[in-house]
């Protein structure tokens, strides 16, 4: 017999529509679906992959490494999450999860490859000392469970096409860290041991859906780096399968028609906003995240980094993806943008002393931070550097050499790092992060000048006249139903990738 306990946990996530209404005020209503995976499929493939399979294995037996692959929109992330849940519930102990999909990361913000570790709780009906209940299974899309990784690398793009070498180096570093630091730690109550054997942590690898051209070559290279013990390939349903998906000869019914309401860009926006508004990210010791959506992103309190007191000793870097920013415009490009906070694990003491005793002149301080050499991800012995998470550069005080950062990363994780730096990529800040509640409501209603504002004569954003707000350009009347003519360049540029020469047309 089993006893099922259902309790309400108020995490604040239900109010995400107030800050990011890409799916309306209630984005959960757009996730209603009849999507389901056959229980028989999961039972058949998860039983031999269970942690308990190692109880009777040899001491030197290789760990279970499951690689899930397939094209886009076939359910790789959902299937990987279900497999993770099953391994945790059946085997206990720890399970590692490696996410390699830059555009649709499951537990981290987009643009990064990350390694996560999950640990099952021996008493699901108990409560932790800090008041957080046992989280149970992981459900919902990626923006429902932002998490701190044990190791991560930021590439700053939603695809590895611009820098495939860096992508492969990041995957190699994460696999090296898994084999050296995670694999041998089973994490059971007896210290990871089962009898006289050490339980090895299994690994679930969720890959990207780019499987053609360069994407196919990258997938082959990734498989050589991961060395999976099991490969599960999910094939897209055919027209005659009536919604069935074949997984290595096993068929599970899937109906994902209603899941297409939120596209990949919308899910990335929700993931970024969910991460920025989290004040307690999930981790191995804290499985339940918490959010604060009672204030807009403009109302969240940042922390201040003083560059004259040793802040950002690893430098400020702008990745050369997409376009090259001139040196004199880098601070303008950095202000109000998303960045990755990274740290260098090992450093040269002489460099640290030079950073501490440098000139305090603002011009010299900023130039020194912007011209520091970019760290390399390929470090065979010291494991190089790692990304701590995502942040938002809220403002830059040039005169006092201070930078205001907004990030949910715990402050103790940042202050313990001797060499901290920030890195900007090509992922843009969602427009919702630059608006207050009033502007969000107007945008949601399709109006940029409401009746109330027109009666008052001026409209404001966070108490500032909109004409004086930097980095934001309010649409012309022609774009919101007016009679004027649209200005060239007003709308977002659309790139056509399906154009062919005459000789290419059959």
Protein backbone atom coordinates (compact mmCIF):
# COMPACT_ATOMS: atom_id res chain seq x y z
CA UNK A 1 0.00 0.00 0.00
CA UNK A 2 1.06 3.58 -0.64
CA UNK A 3 0.07 6.82 1.05
CA UNK A 4 -0.17 9.84 -1.25
CA UNK A 5 0.21 13.27 0.34
CA UNK A 6 -0.78 16.35 -1.70
CA UNK A 7 0.04 19.79 -0.32
CA UNK A 8 0.15 23.29 -1.76
CA UNK A 9 3.53 24.96 -2.07
CA UNK A 10 3.43 28.66 -2.87
CA UNK A 11 6.63 29.39 -4.79
CA UNK A 12 5.48 32.59 -6.52
CA UNK A 13 5.84 31.11 -10.01
CA UNK A 14 2.11 31.31 -10.61
CA UNK A 15 2.50 35.11 -10.90
CA UNK A 16 5.09 35.07 -13.70
CA UNK A 17 2.49 36.44 -16.13
CA UNK A 18 2.55 39.78 -14.30
CA UNK A 19 6.17 40.32 -15.36
CA UNK A 20 6.44 38.31 -18.58
CA UNK A 21 3.08 37.95 -20.35
CA UNK A 22 4.37 36.27 -23.51
CA UNK A 23 1.70 33.63 -22.97
CA UNK A 24 -0.81 36.02 -21.43
CA UNK A 25 -1.25 36.65 -17.73
CA UNK A 26 -1.42 32.89 -17.19
CA UNK A 27 1.16 31.10 -19.38
CA UNK A 28 0.24 27.82 -17.67
CA UNK A 29 -3.05 27.86 -19.59
CA UNK A 30 -1.04 27.46 -22.81
CA UNK A 31 0.63 24.30 -21.56
CA UNK A 32 -2.54 22.24 -21.41
CA UNK A 33 -1.87 19.15 -23.44
CA UNK A 34 -2.73 15.53 -23.76
CA UNK A 35 0.95 14.76 -24.12
CA UNK A 36 1.84 11.52 -22.43
CA UNK A 37 4.52 8.90 -22.74
CA UNK A 38 3.55 5.28 -22.48
CA UNK A 39 4.34 3.93 -19.02
CA UNK A 40 5.46 0.70 -20.63
CA UNK A 41 8.14 2.51 -22.61
CA UNK A 42 9.58 4.16 -19.51
CA UNK A 43 9.46 0.93 -17.52
CA UNK A 44 11.18 -1.07 -20.24
CA UNK A 45 14.08 1.32 -20.68
CA UNK A 46 14.54 2.57 -17.12
CA UNK A 47 14.67 -0.79 -15.34
CA UNK A 48 18.09 -1.80 -16.74
CA UNK A 49 19.30 1.78 -16.25
CA UNK A 50 18.43 1.92 -12.56
CA UNK A 51 21.03 2.82 -9.97
CA UNK A 52 20.37 -0.53 -8.33
CA UNK A 53 21.93 -2.25 -11.33
CA UNK A 54 25.33 -1.42 -9.87
CA UNK A 55 24.70 -3.26 -6.64
CA UNK A 56 25.69 -6.53 -8.25
CA UNK A 57 28.33 -5.10 -10.59
CA UNK A 58 32.08 -5.11 -10.36
CA UNK A 59 33.98 -2.34 -8.64
CA UNK A 60 35.59 -1.17 -11.88
CA UNK A 61 32.39 -1.27 -13.93
CA UNK A 62 31.79 1.79 -16.09
CA UNK A 63 28.97 4.16 -15.05
CA UNK A 64 25.70 4.30 -16.91
CA UNK A 65 25.73 7.18 -19.39
CA UNK A 66 22.48 7.62 -21.31
CA UNK A 67 22.52 9.94 -24.32
CA UNK A 68 19.14 11.06 -25.67
CA UNK A 69 19.22 12.28 -29.25
CA UNK A 70 16.78 13.24 -32.00
CA UNK A 71 15.66 16.15 -34.14
CA UNK A 72 13.78 19.22 -32.95
CA UNK A 73 10.37 19.04 -31.26
CA UNK A 74 10.31 15.29 -30.73
CA UNK A 75 10.31 15.44 -26.92
CA UNK A 76 13.98 14.91 -26.01
CA UNK A 77 13.86 17.27 -23.02
CA UNK A 78 10.60 15.86 -21.69
CA UNK A 79 11.82 12.30 -22.11
CA UNK A 80 15.17 13.11 -20.45
CA UNK A 81 13.36 14.65 -17.49
CA UNK A 82 11.10 11.60 -17.15
CA UNK A 83 14.14 9.33 -17.27
CA UNK A 84 15.85 11.46 -14.60
CA UNK A 85 12.79 11.17 -12.36
CA UNK A 86 12.63 7.42 -12.82
CA UNK A 87 16.30 6.90 -12.01
CA UNK A 88 15.97 9.01 -8.86
CA UNK A 89 12.84 7.20 -7.68
CA UNK A 90 14.11 3.69 -8.43
CA UNK A 91 17.78 3.81 -7.62
CA UNK A 92 18.07 6.54 -5.00
CA UNK A 93 21.36 8.29 -4.44
CA UNK A 94 22.57 10.79 -7.03
CA UNK A 95 21.95 11.21 -10.75
CA UNK A 96 23.86 13.65 -12.98
CA UNK A 97 22.25 15.53 -15.85
CA UNK A 98 24.25 17.10 -18.70
CA UNK A 99 22.37 19.59 -20.87
CA UNK A 100 23.95 20.38 -24.23
CA UNK A 101 21.07 22.20 -25.93
CA UNK A 102 22.04 25.88 -26.02
CA UNK A 103 18.65 27.09 -27.22
CA UNK A 104 16.40 25.08 -24.90
CA UNK A 105 18.34 24.36 -21.72
CA UNK A 106 16.31 22.39 -19.21
CA UNK A 107 17.65 23.75 -15.90
CA UNK A 108 19.91 26.67 -16.86
CA UNK A 109 19.37 29.89 -18.84
CA UNK A 110 19.77 29.62 -22.62
CA UNK A 111 23.23 29.99 -24.08
CA UNK A 112 25.05 27.64 -21.71
CA UNK A 113 26.01 23.98 -21.41
CA UNK A 114 25.73 22.77 -17.82
CA UNK A 115 26.22 19.79 -15.55
CA UNK A 116 23.69 19.27 -12.76
CA UNK A 117 23.51 16.77 -9.91
CA UNK A 118 20.25 15.59 -8.35
CA UNK A 119 19.90 13.61 -5.15
CA UNK A 120 16.90 11.55 -4.09
CA UNK A 121 15.45 12.06 -0.62
CA UNK A 122 15.13 8.98 1.57
CA UNK A 123 11.95 10.25 3.26
CA UNK A 124 9.60 11.83 0.70
CA UNK A 125 6.97 12.67 3.35
CA UNK A 126 9.39 14.55 5.57
CA UNK A 127 10.20 18.25 5.58
CA UNK A 128 13.58 19.89 5.49
CA UNK A 129 14.82 22.01 8.37
CA UNK A 130 14.62 25.17 6.30
CA UNK A 131 10.92 24.62 5.66
CA UNK A 132 11.16 23.45 2.05
CA UNK A 133 9.19 20.29 1.41
CA UNK A 134 10.56 17.39 -0.58
CA UNK A 135 10.16 18.47 -4.21
CA UNK A 136 8.96 15.12 -5.58
CA UNK A 137 9.27 14.77 -9.34
CA UNK A 138 10.37 17.45 -11.79
CA UNK A 139 7.46 18.54 -13.97
CA UNK A 140 6.71 21.44 -16.26
CA UNK A 141 8.77 23.30 -18.88
CA UNK A 142 12.28 24.60 -18.31
CA UNK A 143 11.18 27.94 -16.82
CA UNK A 144 9.51 26.09 -13.93
CA UNK A 145 12.74 24.77 -12.38
CA UNK A 146 15.79 27.11 -12.72
CA UNK A 147 18.75 25.57 -10.98
CA UNK A 148 22.34 26.20 -9.95
CA UNK A 149 24.69 23.90 -11.80
CA UNK A 150 27.77 22.20 -10.37
CA UNK A 151 29.70 23.35 -13.43
CA UNK A 152 28.69 25.35 -16.47
CA UNK A 153 30.12 27.14 -19.50
CA UNK A 154 28.55 30.13 -21.20
CA UNK A 155 28.68 30.40 -25.00
CA UNK A 156 26.30 33.33 -25.27
CA UNK A 157 24.36 32.03 -28.27
CA UNK A 158 21.39 29.74 -28.86
CA UNK A 159 23.34 27.66 -31.38
CA UNK A 160 26.97 26.47 -31.59
CA UNK A 161 27.20 27.32 -35.30
CA UNK A 162 29.32 30.45 -34.75
CA UNK A 163 31.91 28.77 -32.51
CA UNK A 164 31.69 24.96 -32.73
CA UNK A 165 35.20 24.50 -31.36
CA UNK A 166 34.34 26.32 -28.13
CA UNK A 167 31.18 24.21 -27.84
CA UNK A 168 33.17 20.97 -28.07
CA UNK A 169 35.80 22.22 -25.63
CA UNK A 170 33.05 23.08 -23.13
CA UNK A 171 31.51 19.61 -23.47
CA UNK A 172 34.93 18.01 -23.01
CA UNK A 173 35.54 20.03 -19.85
CA UNK A 174 32.16 19.10 -18.35
CA UNK A 175 32.71 15.40 -19.06
CA UNK A 176 36.17 15.60 -17.51
CA UNK A 177 34.67 17.19 -14.40
CA UNK A 178 31.95 14.52 -14.23
CA UNK A 179 34.46 11.67 -14.41
CA UNK A 180 36.87 13.22 -11.90
CA UNK A 181 34.54 14.82 -9.35
CA UNK A 182 31.01 13.38 -9.69
CA UNK A 183 31.13 9.84 -11.04
CA UNK A 184 32.57 8.12 -7.97
CA UNK A 185 30.24 9.80 -5.47
CA UNK A 186 27.04 7.76 -5.26
CA UNK A 187 25.64 10.01 -2.57
CA UNK A 188 23.77 7.38 -0.55
CA UNK A 189 23.28 7.65 3.20
CA UNK A 190 26.23 5.31 3.72
CA UNK A 191 28.57 7.68 1.92
CA UNK A 192 27.96 6.43 -1.60
CA UNK A 193 28.87 2.80 -0.85
CA UNK A 194 26.80 -0.32 -1.32
CA UNK A 195 28.42 -3.12 0.57
CA UNK A 196 32.08 -3.08 -0.35
CA UNK A 197 31.42 -1.34 -3.67
CA UNK A 198 31.27 2.32 -4.50
CA UNK A 199 28.09 3.39 -6.28
CA UNK A 200 28.84 5.31 -9.45
CA UNK A 201 26.61 8.22 -10.40
CA UNK A 202 24.72 7.65 -13.68
CA UNK A 203 24.54 10.43 -16.24
CA UNK A 204 21.67 11.53 -18.48
CA UNK A 205 22.73 13.62 -21.50
CA UNK A 206 20.19 15.79 -23.30
CA UNK A 207 21.51 16.81 -26.73
CA UNK A 208 20.56 19.52 -29.20
CA UNK A 209 18.05 19.03 -32.01
CA UNK A 210 20.37 20.23 -34.78
CA UNK A 211 21.03 16.97 -36.62
CA UNK A 212 21.88 18.09 -40.17
CA UNK A 213 25.06 19.43 -41.73
CA UNK A 214 27.41 20.86 -39.13
CA UNK A 215 24.94 19.82 -36.42
CA UNK A 216 25.30 16.17 -37.40
CA UNK A 217 29.10 16.44 -37.27
CA UNK A 218 28.93 18.06 -33.84
CA UNK A 219 26.64 15.29 -32.61
CA UNK A 220 29.19 12.68 -33.67
CA UNK A 221 31.98 14.53 -31.89
CA UNK A 222 29.84 14.89 -28.76
CA UNK A 223 29.17 11.13 -28.68
CA UNK A 224 32.92 10.47 -28.84
CA UNK A 225 33.47 12.81 -25.90
CA UNK A 226 30.58 11.46 -23.82
CA UNK A 227 31.19 7.75 -24.57
CA UNK A 228 27.58 6.76 -23.76
CA UNK A 229 26.74 3.29 -22.55
CA UNK A 230 23.21 3.68 -23.95
CA UNK A 231 21.91 5.81 -26.82
CA UNK A 232 18.17 6.49 -27.02
CA UNK A 233 17.08 8.04 -30.29
CA UNK A 234 13.61 9.58 -30.55
CA UNK A 235 12.24 9.66 -34.08
CA UNK A 236 9.57 12.13 -35.20
CA UNK A 237 6.11 10.66 -35.74
CA UNK A 238 5.09 9.79 -39.26
CA UNK A 239 1.77 10.75 -40.81
CA UNK A 240 0.45 7.20 -40.34
CA UNK A 241 1.56 6.77 -36.72
CA UNK A 242 -1.32 8.90 -35.33
CA UNK A 243 0.82 10.65 -32.77
CA UNK A 244 3.06 7.74 -31.79
CA UNK A 245 6.77 8.20 -31.26
CA UNK A 246 9.21 5.35 -31.73
CA UNK A 247 12.10 5.08 -29.29
CA UNK A 248 14.50 2.29 -30.24
CA UNK A 249 11.65 0.06 -31.29
CA UNK A 250 9.42 1.10 -28.37
CA UNK A 251 6.35 3.20 -29.08
CA UNK A 252 4.79 5.81 -26.80
CA UNK A 253 1.72 7.90 -27.58
CA UNK A 254 2.39 11.62 -27.75
CA UNK A 255 0.01 14.40 -28.75
CA UNK A 256 1.86 17.71 -28.74
CA UNK A 257 -0.46 19.81 -30.89
CA UNK A 258 -1.37 22.20 -28.09
CA UNK A 259 2.25 22.65 -27.03
CA UNK A 260 3.04 24.64 -30.19
CA UNK A 261 1.41 27.78 -28.84
CA UNK A 262 4.64 28.84 -27.15
CA UNK A 263 7.52 28.82 -29.63
CA UNK A 264 11.21 28.41 -28.80
CA UNK A 265 11.77 32.17 -28.47
CA UNK A 266 8.87 32.49 -26.02
CA UNK A 267 10.21 29.65 -23.89
CA UNK A 268 13.66 31.28 -23.82
CA UNK A 269 12.10 34.56 -22.72
CA UNK A 270 10.20 32.84 -19.92
CA UNK A 271 13.34 30.97 -18.88
CA UNK A 272 15.41 34.17 -18.65
CA UNK A 273 12.74 36.06 -16.72
CA UNK A 274 12.17 33.11 -14.39
CA UNK A 275 15.90 32.96 -13.65
CA UNK A 276 16.25 36.70 -13.00
CA UNK A 277 13.25 36.79 -10.64
CA UNK A 278 14.31 33.78 -8.61
CA UNK A 279 15.60 34.65 -5.15
CA UNK A 280 16.34 31.04 -4.21
CA UNK A 281 17.57 28.85 -7.06
CA UNK A 282 17.23 25.10 -6.80
CA UNK A 283 20.37 23.09 -6.02
CA UNK A 284 21.41 19.77 -4.52
CA UNK A 285 20.82 21.09 -0.99
CA UNK A 286 17.83 23.28 -1.89
CA UNK A 287 15.54 21.40 -4.27
CA UNK A 288 12.68 23.93 -4.20
CA UNK A 289 13.16 27.25 -6.05
CA UNK A 290 11.39 30.46 -4.99
CA UNK A 291 10.40 33.48 -7.08
CA UNK A 292 9.51 37.13 -6.59
CA UNK A 293 7.09 38.35 -9.27
CA UNK A 294 5.40 40.95 -7.07
CA UNK A 295 7.83 43.54 -8.45
CA UNK A 296 8.91 44.21 -12.05
CA UNK A 297 12.50 43.57 -13.01
CA UNK A 298 13.11 47.31 -12.64
CA UNK A 299 12.14 47.05 -8.98
CA UNK A 300 14.55 44.27 -8.04
CA UNK A 301 17.53 45.36 -5.95
CA UNK A 302 20.96 44.82 -7.55
CA UNK A 303 24.32 44.58 -5.84
CA UNK A 304 27.25 46.89 -6.53
CA UNK A 305 30.64 45.79 -7.85
CA UNK A 306 33.44 48.27 -7.14
CA UNK A 307 36.23 47.81 -9.67
CA UNK A 308 38.65 49.93 -7.62
CA UNK A 309 38.47 47.43 -4.75
CA UNK A 310 39.35 44.33 -6.71
CA UNK A 311 35.97 43.71 -8.34
CA UNK A 312 35.86 41.83 -11.65
CA UNK A 313 39.54 40.90 -11.60
CA UNK A 314 38.89 38.41 -14.39
CA UNK A 315 37.82 41.28 -16.61
CA UNK A 316 34.85 42.38 -18.70
CA UNK A 317 34.49 40.57 -22.02
CA UNK A 318 32.18 40.88 -25.02
CA UNK A 319 32.11 37.77 -27.17
CA UNK A 320 32.74 38.51 -30.88
CA UNK A 321 29.62 36.64 -31.98
CA UNK A 322 27.40 38.38 -34.49
CA UNK A 323 29.35 41.66 -34.63
CA UNK A 324 32.49 43.28 -33.28
CA UNK A 325 31.99 46.16 -30.84
CA UNK A 326 34.58 49.00 -30.95
CA UNK A 327 36.41 49.60 -27.70
CA UNK A 328 34.91 53.06 -27.22
CA UNK A 329 31.37 51.60 -27.38
CA UNK A 330 31.79 48.53 -25.21
CA UNK A 331 30.40 50.11 -22.03
CA UNK A 332 27.33 51.31 -23.96
CA UNK A 333 26.84 47.82 -25.36
CA UNK A 334 27.29 46.31 -21.91
CA UNK A 335 24.81 48.56 -20.10
CA UNK A 336 21.36 47.01 -19.78
CA UNK A 337 22.43 43.65 -21.21
CA UNK A 338 22.53 40.03 -20.12
CA UNK A 339 25.92 38.72 -19.04
CA UNK A 340 27.41 35.57 -17.65
CA UNK A 341 29.21 35.80 -14.32
CA UNK A 342 32.25 33.55 -14.40
CA UNK A 343 35.17 32.81 -12.14
CA UNK A 344 38.69 31.51 -12.71
CA UNK A 345 39.42 28.66 -10.32
CA UNK A 346 43.21 29.07 -10.37
CA UNK A 347 45.13 32.28 -10.74
CA UNK A 348 48.56 33.84 -10.65
CA UNK A 349 49.20 35.69 -7.41
CA UNK A 350 51.21 38.36 -9.21
CA UNK A 351 48.22 39.21 -11.43
CA UNK A 352 46.00 39.55 -8.36
CA UNK A 353 48.44 41.96 -6.69
CA UNK A 354 48.69 44.04 -9.85
CA UNK A 355 44.89 44.33 -9.98
CA UNK A 356 44.78 45.46 -6.36
CA UNK A 357 47.47 48.13 -6.69
CA UNK A 358 46.41 49.56 -10.04
CA UNK A 359 45.67 53.16 -10.85
CA UNK A 360 42.32 54.37 -9.41
CA UNK A 361 41.62 56.71 -12.32
CA UNK A 362 38.22 55.69 -13.83
CA UNK A 363 39.51 55.66 -17.39
CA UNK A 364 42.43 53.42 -16.42
CA UNK A 365 40.20 51.13 -14.33
CA UNK A 366 37.69 50.53 -17.13
CA UNK A 367 40.37 50.06 -19.78
CA UNK A 368 42.17 47.55 -17.59
CA UNK A 369 38.96 45.55 -17.06
CA UNK A 370 37.99 45.63 -20.73
CA UNK A 371 41.41 44.64 -22.03
CA UNK A 372 42.16 41.68 -19.79
CA UNK A 373 42.81 38.51 -21.83
CA UNK A 374 39.81 36.31 -22.33
CA UNK A 375 40.17 33.06 -20.35
CA UNK A 376 40.43 29.78 -22.18
CA UNK A 377 38.06 26.87 -21.59
CA UNK A 378 40.61 24.22 -22.54
CA UNK A 379 42.70 23.66 -19.43
CA UNK A 380 43.71 20.02 -19.06
CA UNK A 381 44.94 20.19 -15.47
CA UNK A 382 43.26 23.10 -13.66
CA UNK A 383 39.88 22.82 -15.43
CA UNK A 384 40.13 26.50 -16.37
CA UNK A 385 37.13 28.68 -15.55
CA UNK A 386 33.42 28.16 -15.09
CA UNK A 387 30.21 30.14 -15.39
CA UNK A 388 28.31 30.85 -12.18
CA UNK A 389 25.08 31.93 -13.82
CA UNK A 390 23.28 34.73 -15.57
CA UNK A 391 23.13 38.38 -14.58
CA UNK A 392 21.79 41.71 -15.79
CA UNK A 393 23.94 44.83 -15.95
CA UNK A 394 21.40 47.28 -14.60
CA UNK A 395 23.58 50.38 -14.72
CA UNK A 396 27.20 51.54 -14.98
CA UNK A 397 28.64 54.36 -12.86
CA UNK A 398 31.64 55.39 -14.90
CA UNK A 399 32.92 58.12 -12.58
CA UNK A 400 33.06 55.92 -9.48
CA UNK A 401 34.10 52.76 -11.39
CA UNK A 402 31.08 50.83 -10.13
CA UNK A 403 28.80 48.40 -11.88
CA UNK A 404 25.31 47.43 -10.71
CA UNK A 405 24.45 43.77 -11.27
CA UNK A 406 21.13 41.99 -10.86
CA UNK A 407 21.48 38.23 -10.39
CA UNK A 408 19.85 35.45 -8.33
CA UNK A 409 23.23 33.82 -7.68
CA UNK A 410 23.77 33.64 -3.89
CA UNK A 411 26.00 36.45 -2.70
CA UNK A 412 28.22 34.02 -0.78
CA UNK A 413 29.02 32.21 -4.03
CA UNK A 414 30.21 35.49 -5.54
CA UNK A 415 32.18 36.86 -2.59
CA UNK A 416 34.11 33.59 -2.21
CA UNK A 417 35.55 33.93 -5.71
CA UNK A 418 38.90 35.68 -5.87
CA UNK A 419 38.74 36.32 -9.62
CA UNK A 420 35.28 37.14 -10.91
CA UNK A 421 34.41 38.43 -14.38
CA UNK A 422 31.46 39.03 -16.66
CA UNK A 423 30.97 38.02 -20.27
CA UNK A 424 28.37 39.32 -22.73
CA UNK A 425 27.10 37.17 -25.57
CA UNK A 426 24.53 37.53 -28.31
CA UNK A 427 21.44 36.68 -26.24
CA UNK A 428 19.35 39.81 -25.82
CA UNK A 429 17.49 40.99 -22.75
CA UNK A 430 13.73 40.42 -23.09
CA UNK A 431 11.81 43.67 -23.52
CA UNK A 432 9.64 42.78 -20.50
CA UNK A 433 12.66 43.28 -18.21
CA UNK A 434 12.77 46.96 -19.20
CA UNK A 435 9.11 47.75 -18.42
CA UNK A 436 7.13 48.47 -15.29
CA UNK A 437 3.74 46.94 -14.52
CA UNK A 438 1.80 49.79 -16.19
CA UNK A 439 3.78 49.52 -19.44
CA UNK A 440 3.44 45.74 -19.40
CA UNK A 441 -0.32 46.02 -19.15
CA UNK A 442 -0.39 48.53 -22.02
CA UNK A 443 1.80 46.32 -24.19
CA UNK A 444 -0.36 43.33 -23.37
CA UNK A 445 -3.44 45.25 -24.49
CA UNK A 446 -1.71 46.33 -27.70
CA UNK A 447 -1.65 50.01 -26.72
CA UNK A 448 1.38 52.23 -26.25
CA UNK A 449 -0.64 55.35 -25.34
CA UNK A 450 -3.62 54.60 -23.17
CA UNK A 451 -6.53 56.94 -22.56
CA UNK A 452 -5.38 57.74 -19.04
CA UNK A 453 -1.91 58.75 -20.20
CA UNK A 454 -3.27 60.85 -23.04
CA UNK A 455 -5.44 62.80 -20.60
CA UNK A 456 -2.42 63.51 -18.41
CA UNK A 457 -0.40 64.69 -21.41
CA UNK A 458 2.73 62.57 -20.80
CA UNK A 459 3.43 58.90 -20.22
CA UNK A 460 6.16 57.65 -17.94
CA UNK A 461 8.16 54.50 -17.30
CA UNK A 462 9.14 53.95 -13.65
CA UNK A 463 8.56 57.65 -13.00
CA UNK A 464 10.66 58.84 -15.96
CA UNK A 465 9.25 60.33 -19.14
CA UNK A 466 9.42 57.77 -21.89
CA UNK A 467 11.26 60.11 -24.23
CA UNK A 468 14.13 60.24 -21.70
CA UNK A 469 14.37 56.48 -21.13
CA UNK A 470 17.54 55.12 -22.78
CA UNK A 471 17.71 52.02 -24.98
CA UNK A 472 13.93 51.98 -25.57
CA UNK A 473 12.20 53.34 -28.67
CA UNK A 474 8.43 53.44 -28.51
CA UNK A 475 6.75 52.36 -31.78
CA UNK A 476 5.42 54.96 -34.19
CA UNK A 477 1.63 55.28 -34.49
CA UNK A 478 1.74 53.47 -37.84
CA UNK A 479 2.92 50.34 -36.07
CA UNK A 480 0.11 50.36 -33.51
CA UNK A 481 -2.83 51.06 -35.77
CA UNK A 482 -2.22 54.73 -36.63
CA UNK A 483 -2.44 56.39 -40.03
CA UNK A 484 1.19 57.47 -40.37
CA UNK A 485 3.84 55.83 -42.53
CA UNK A 486 6.20 53.30 -41.02
CA UNK A 487 9.86 54.29 -40.87
CA UNK A 488 12.43 52.01 -42.47
CA UNK A 489 14.19 50.08 -39.73
CA UNK A 490 11.35 50.39 -37.20
CA UNK A 491 10.50 46.71 -37.28
CA UNK A 492 12.77 43.85 -36.30
CA UNK A 493 14.95 42.62 -39.12
CA UNK A 494 13.98 39.23 -40.49
CA UNK A 495 16.66 37.02 -42.00
CA UNK A 496 15.68 34.82 -44.94
CA UNK A 497 17.58 31.53 -44.98
CA UNK A 498 15.54 29.74 -47.63
CA UNK A 499 16.71 31.70 -50.70
CA UNK A 500 18.35 29.71 -53.49
CA UNK A 501 20.12 30.40 -56.77
CA UNK A 502 18.44 29.55 -60.06
CA UNK A 503 20.72 26.55 -60.46
CA UNK A 504 19.59 25.16 -57.12
CA UNK A 505 15.92 25.14 -58.04
CA UNK A 506 14.89 21.76 -59.42
